[in-house]
Amino acid sequence: MTSTPDPVSLVEKASILTEALPWLETYAGKTVVIKYGGNAMVDEDLKRAFAQDIVFMKRCGVHPVVVHGGGPQISSMLKRLGIHSEFRGGLRVTTPEAMEVVRMVMVGQVGRDLVGKINSQSTLAVGLSGEDGGLFTAERRGTVVNGQEVDLGLVGDVVRVRTEAVQGLIDSGSVPVVAGIAPDVDGVVHNVNADTAAAALAVALQADRLVVLTDVEGLYRDWPSSTEVIKELSASELRGMLPALESGMLPKMEACLRAVEGGLTRATVTDGRVPHALLLEIFTNAGIGTMVTADGLIRLGSRAFSREHGIPPHELTNGEFGARPASTTLQEHA
């Protein structure tokens, strides 16, 4: 005997699809850069969900670009090979010997695994690294720990981006999957933080959004005293908070700040431990995590608009806000 579908669940499913419609319209044809890392990178169920999210986005007309790190896998391989590795100021000290392992794991293991996961859903993904097509150029950097300069070895920041290779893949209908390593001007390959690499690429591509997947709910207002997550803050507010942030969260929030200061209207840190976190952030009304908006913007739900020009009237009836009287003022949504 065939069972009758639960009408409540069907209505709920229809409601979810209806809620997604305004976001499908908002992001169609837009580029979204995603930094892939944390638990989403090591848990098999989360890997599968992430791959499904990427394919869903692409099939809906969005252009996802993935930038990945590989910290846990690199640490595991270094340990297996008996190569000492330590972190200073939240960054891995990278000797030439360790750099060979970083390069091997990032390009040959993590990148290939992610490309394979996406392509098992639909053959869209193409892997590359910051070395390919002159994508990234790095400049060696150090850090400061307890007031002292620390040499990190072959660790660099992305100082130049050439987008031709990535843009070519986007234009051909593919999903670029980028490993966060980069040569300097002399061709010496450096380990670059994937958060900052993703921000640099998002700015260079003039992307619509940057989404950084991490292992916490977002930026906590007063960690460790409180687990209240800040849902939204401006670039200026974040800049003032940076000196007090924990080392693990600092590069992620710096990446968000770099993105919005470089021209993006918003960037988000999102909990990658939640299955389909990417779709929840992009295609639902509330989103999840912490959104950083450029100064001078008005936020309406998960959108952001210029305070100078105001919120377009049609956006006040778009999706989550329902019909609004024509007299609705900007201040009601600021």
Foldseek 3Di string as FASTA:
>chain_A
DDDDDDVVVVVVVVLLVLLLVLLLVVQAQFEEEEEDDDPCQPDPLSLLLVLVLCVVCLVSRHAYAYEYAQVVVLVVVCVVVVHDWDDDLLHIQAAPVSVVSRVCCQQVPSQVVSQVSNVVVPNAEDEDECAPPVAFAWDADWDADPNRTGHSHQETATDDGDCVVVVVSSVVSHHYYYYQWHHHPVGRIGRYDRLRVSLVNCLVVVGQEYEYEYAAQADAPDPPVDNDAAAEDELVVLVVCLVVDRSNCNSNSVSQSSNQVSPHQKYFYHHSVDRNLVCQQSRHQQRTYYMYGYPQWFDARSDIHHVVVADPPVVCCRRPNHDDDPPDDSVVRD
